[in-house]
C-alpha atoms as a PDB file:
ATOM      1  CA  MET A   1     100.216  84.733 100.610  1.00  0.00           C
ATOM      2  CA  ALA A   2     103.489  82.938  99.851  1.00  0.00           C
ATOM      3  CA  ASP A   3     105.934  82.875 102.595  1.00  0.00           C
ATOM      4  CA  ASN A   4     104.283  84.946 104.959  1.00  0.00           C
ATOM      5  CA  LEU A   5     104.468  82.610 108.210  1.00  0.00           C
ATOM      6  CA  THR A   6     105.133  84.767 111.450  1.00  0.00           C
ATOM      7  CA  ASN A   7     108.442  84.174 113.040  1.00  0.00           C
ATOM      8  CA  THR A   8     106.641  82.052 115.600  1.00  0.00           C
ATOM      9  CA  ALA A   9     105.068  79.958 112.984  1.00  0.00           C
ATOM     10  CA  GLU A  10     108.505  79.250 111.184  1.00  0.00           C
ATOM     11  CA  ASN A  11     110.149  78.244 114.422  1.00  0.00           C
ATOM     12  CA  ARG A  12     107.175  75.978 115.313  1.00  0.00           C
ATOM     13  CA  ALA A  13     107.355  74.412 111.843  1.00  0.00           C
ATOM     14  CA  LEU A  14     111.137  73.796 112.051  1.00  0.00           C
ATOM     15  CA  ASP A  15     110.785  72.225 115.293  1.00  0.00           C
ATOM     16  CA  TRP A  16     108.170  70.064 114.225  1.00  0.00           C
ATOM     17  CA  LEU A  17     110.168  69.075 110.826  1.00  0.00           C
ATOM     18  CA  MET A  18     113.166  68.385 113.074  1.00  0.00           C
ATOM     19  CA  GLY A  19     111.304  66.136 115.448  1.00  0.00           C
ATOM     20  CA  ASN A  20     111.865  68.449 118.086  1.00  0.00           C
ATOM     21  CA  THR A  21     108.239  68.887 119.228  1.00  0.00           C
ATOM     22  CA  SER A  22     104.717  68.068 118.259  1.00  0.00           C
ATOM     23  CA  THR A  23     103.184  71.625 117.840  1.00  0.00           C
ATOM     24  CA  ALA A  24      99.925  72.404 116.138  1.00  0.00           C
ATOM     25  CA  PRO A  25      97.894  75.605 116.198  1.00  0.00           C
ATOM     26  CA  THR A  26      94.689  75.582 118.639  1.00  0.00           C
ATOM     27  CA  THR A  27      91.846  75.200 116.240  1.00  0.00           C
ATOM     28  CA  PRO A  28      89.617  76.555 114.936  1.00  0.00           C
ATOM     29  CA  LEU A  29      91.886  79.009 112.922  1.00  0.00           C
ATOM     30  CA  LYS A  30      90.506  82.565 112.801  1.00  0.00           C
ATOM     31  CA  LEU A  31      90.882  85.033 109.809  1.00  0.00           C
ATOM     32  CA  ALA A  32      91.521  88.606 111.041  1.00  0.00           C
ATOM     33  CA  LEU A  33      91.291  91.729 108.805  1.00  0.00           C
ATOM     34  CA  VAL A  34      93.698  94.441 109.141  1.00  0.00           C
ATOM     35  CA  THR A  35      93.919  98.231 108.250  1.00  0.00           C
ATOM     36  CA  ALA A  36      97.807  98.204 108.297  1.00  0.00           C
ATOM     37  CA  ASN A  37      99.856  95.253 107.586  1.00  0.00           C
ATOM     38  CA  GLY A  38     102.282  93.764 110.092  1.00  0.00           C
ATOM     39  CA  SER A  39     105.314  91.609 109.530  1.00  0.00           C
ATOM     40  CA  ASP A  40     106.826  88.453 110.416  1.00  0.00           C
ATOM     41  CA  SER A  41     107.242  89.793 113.938  1.00  0.00           C
ATOM     42  CA  THR A  42     104.685  92.436 114.340  1.00  0.00           C
ATOM     43  CA  ALA A  43     100.747  92.045 114.204  1.00  0.00           C
ATOM     44  CA  GLY A  44      99.003  94.417 111.914  1.00  0.00           C
ATOM     45  CA  THR A  45      96.248  96.827 113.098  1.00  0.00           C
ATOM     46  CA  GLU A  46      93.113  94.755 113.186  1.00  0.00           C
ATOM     47  CA  VAL A  47      89.659  96.121 112.251  1.00  0.00           C
ATOM     48  CA  THR A  48      87.634  97.285 115.258  1.00  0.00           C
ATOM     49  CA  GLY A  49      83.870  98.367 115.337  1.00  0.00           C
ATOM     50  CA  GLY A  50      80.674  97.575 113.936  1.00  0.00           C
ATOM     51  CA  SER A  51      79.996  93.907 114.138  1.00  0.00           C
ATOM     52  CA  TYR A  52      83.210  92.860 113.083  1.00  0.00           C
ATOM     53  CA  ALA A  53      84.810  89.613 114.744  1.00  0.00           C
ATOM     54  CA  ARG A  54      87.355  87.180 113.291  1.00  0.00           C
ATOM     55  CA  LYS A  55      86.037  84.615 111.275  1.00  0.00           C
ATOM     56  CA  THR A  56      86.869  80.635 111.371  1.00  0.00           C
ATOM     57  CA  VAL A  57      88.820  79.822 108.178  1.00  0.00           C
ATOM     58  CA  ALA A  58      89.050  76.179 106.799  1.00  0.00           C
ATOM     59  CA  CYS A  59      91.288  75.233 104.177  1.00  0.00           C
ATOM     60  CA  ASN A  60      91.352  72.439 101.440  1.00  0.00           C
ATOM     61  CA  ALA A  61      94.188  69.698 101.595  1.00  0.00           C
ATOM     62  CA  SER A  62      97.515  70.960 100.599  1.00  0.00           C
ATOM     63  CA  VAL A  63      98.801  70.198  96.963  1.00  0.00           C
ATOM     64  CA  ASN A  64     102.427  71.105  95.767  1.00  0.00           C
ATOM     65  CA  GLY A  65     102.936  73.273  98.907  1.00  0.00           C
ATOM     66  CA  ALA A  66      99.775  75.494  98.513  1.00  0.00           C
ATOM     67  CA  THR A  67      96.303  75.433  99.839  1.00  0.00           C
ATOM     68  CA  SER A  68      93.352  77.870 100.140  1.00  0.00           C
ATOM     69  CA  ASN A  69      90.289  78.620 101.833  1.00  0.00           C
ATOM     70  CA  SER A  70      87.499  75.735 101.247  1.00  0.00           C
ATOM     71  CA  ALA A  71      84.586  78.081 101.773  1.00  0.00           C
ATOM     72  CA  ASP A  72      83.371  81.723 101.675  1.00  0.00           C
ATOM     73  CA  ILE A  73      84.458  83.879 104.804  1.00  0.00           C
ATOM     74  CA  VAL A  74      81.906  86.561 105.300  1.00  0.00           C
ATOM     75  CA  PHE A  75      82.313  89.411 107.637  1.00  0.00           C
ATOM     76  CA  THR A  76      78.954  91.365 108.143  1.00  0.00           C
ATOM     77  CA  GLY A  77      78.199  94.736 109.787  1.00  0.00           C
ATOM     78  CA  MET A  78      81.488  96.110 108.665  1.00  0.00           C
ATOM     79  CA  PRO A  79      82.825  99.488 110.423  1.00  0.00           C
ATOM     80  CA  PRO A  80      83.869 101.964 107.865  1.00  0.00           C
ATOM     81  CA  CYS A  81      87.458 101.180 106.988  1.00  0.00           C
ATOM     82  CA  THR A  82      89.904 100.193 104.354  1.00  0.00           C
ATOM     83  CA  VAL A  83      90.952  96.657 104.747  1.00  0.00           C
ATOM     84  CA  VAL A  84      94.643  95.971 103.229  1.00  0.00           C
ATOM     85  CA  GLY A  85      95.567  92.489 104.512  1.00  0.00           C
ATOM     86  CA  VAL A  86      94.551  89.510 106.727  1.00  0.00           C
ATOM     87  CA  GLU A  87      96.384  87.466 109.518  1.00  0.00           C
ATOM     88  CA  ILE A  88      95.545  83.776 110.481  1.00  0.00           C
ATOM     89  CA  TRP A  89      95.304  83.454 114.366  1.00  0.00           C
ATOM     90  CA  ASP A  90      94.720  80.370 116.494  1.00  0.00           C
ATOM     91  CA  SER A  91      92.101  79.987 119.049  1.00  0.00           C
ATOM     92  CA  ALA A  92      94.483  79.501 122.003  1.00  0.00           C
ATOM     93  CA  GLY A  93      93.659  81.358 125.401  1.00  0.00           C
ATOM     94  CA  THR A  94      96.307  83.844 124.365  1.00  0.00           C
ATOM     95  CA  PRO A  95      95.792  83.339 120.558  1.00  0.00           C
ATOM     96  CA  ILE A  96      99.050  82.924 118.458  1.00  0.00           C
ATOM     97  CA  ARG A  97      99.346  84.828 114.939  1.00  0.00           C
ATOM     98  CA  TRP A  98     100.516  82.370 112.349  1.00  0.00           C
ATOM     99  CA  TRP A  99     100.109  83.872 109.041  1.00  0.00           C
ATOM    100  CA  TRP A 100      99.889  87.410 107.703  1.00  0.00           C
ATOM    101  CA  GLY A 101      99.611  89.050 104.018  1.00  0.00           C
ATOM    102  CA  ALA A 102      98.538  91.989 101.900  1.00  0.00           C
ATOM    103  CA  LEU A 103      95.651  91.861  99.749  1.00  0.00           C
ATOM    104  CA  ASP A 104      96.080  91.924  96.142  1.00  0.00           C
ATOM    105  CA  ALA A 105      93.983  95.119  96.258  1.00  0.00           C
ATOM    106  CA  SER A 106      92.738  97.006  99.357  1.00  0.00           C
ATOM    107  CA  ARG A 107      88.980  97.168  99.921  1.00  0.00           C
ATOM    108  CA  THR A 108      87.271  99.966 101.351  1.00  0.00           C
ATOM    109  CA  VAL A 109      83.701  99.355 103.076  1.00  0.00           C
ATOM    110  CA  ALA A 110      81.085 101.566 104.450  1.00  0.00           C
ATOM    111  CA  ALA A 111      79.437 100.991 107.733  1.00  0.00           C
ATOM    112  CA  GLY A 112      77.243  98.091 107.847  1.00  0.00           C
ATOM    113  CA  ASP A 113      78.727  96.618 104.602  1.00  0.00           C
ATOM    114  CA  GLU A 114      79.804  92.847 103.870  1.00  0.00           C
ATOM    115  CA  LEU A 115      83.300  91.752 103.032  1.00  0.00           C
ATOM    116  CA  ARG A 116      83.432  88.640 101.621  1.00  0.00           C
ATOM    117  CA  ILE A 117      86.572  86.307 100.597  1.00  0.00           C
ATOM    118  CA  THR A 118      85.431  83.942  98.292  1.00  0.00           C
ATOM    119  CA  ALA A 119      86.106  80.117  98.442  1.00  0.00           C
ATOM    120  CA  ALA A 120      89.716  79.506  97.171  1.00  0.00           C
ATOM    121  CA  SER A 121      90.681  83.105  96.798  1.00  0.00           C
ATOM    122  CA  LEU A 122      92.584  83.064 100.153  1.00  0.00           C
ATOM    123  CA  ALA A 123      95.755  81.153  98.744  1.00  0.00           C
ATOM    124  CA  LEU A 124      98.468  80.196 101.158  1.00  0.00           C
ATOM    125  CA  SER A 125     101.829  78.722 100.127  1.00  0.00           C
ATOM    126  CA  LEU A 126     105.255  77.718 101.538  1.00  0.00           C
ATOM    127  CA  SER A 127     107.170  78.722  98.135  1.00  0.00           C
END
């Protein structure tokens, strides 16, 4: 997901880089699955139902402006749906959406299925 920071994340990153604030997301970061992608300013349509819940995402140290998830992210007990993208949210009392992006290929799951995002397959970059 290159250059898919939300407007909020872009503003906070610029403020941090310019020394205007010390801002960081409230950890842990959570990965959400969406059935319709959003945009820089609007959240997508998040999966609901079944045993679906956002999952904690941890990433490797960045190299050359890029990083990826350091472990498999497993969603179990999925509702029947077609997942087209993901979003990364923080864990603040009112969560902030930091990142969004479409999957390379949509994934259709049946009720009770598992959806797994294998380690290193969630690629994040600023280029």
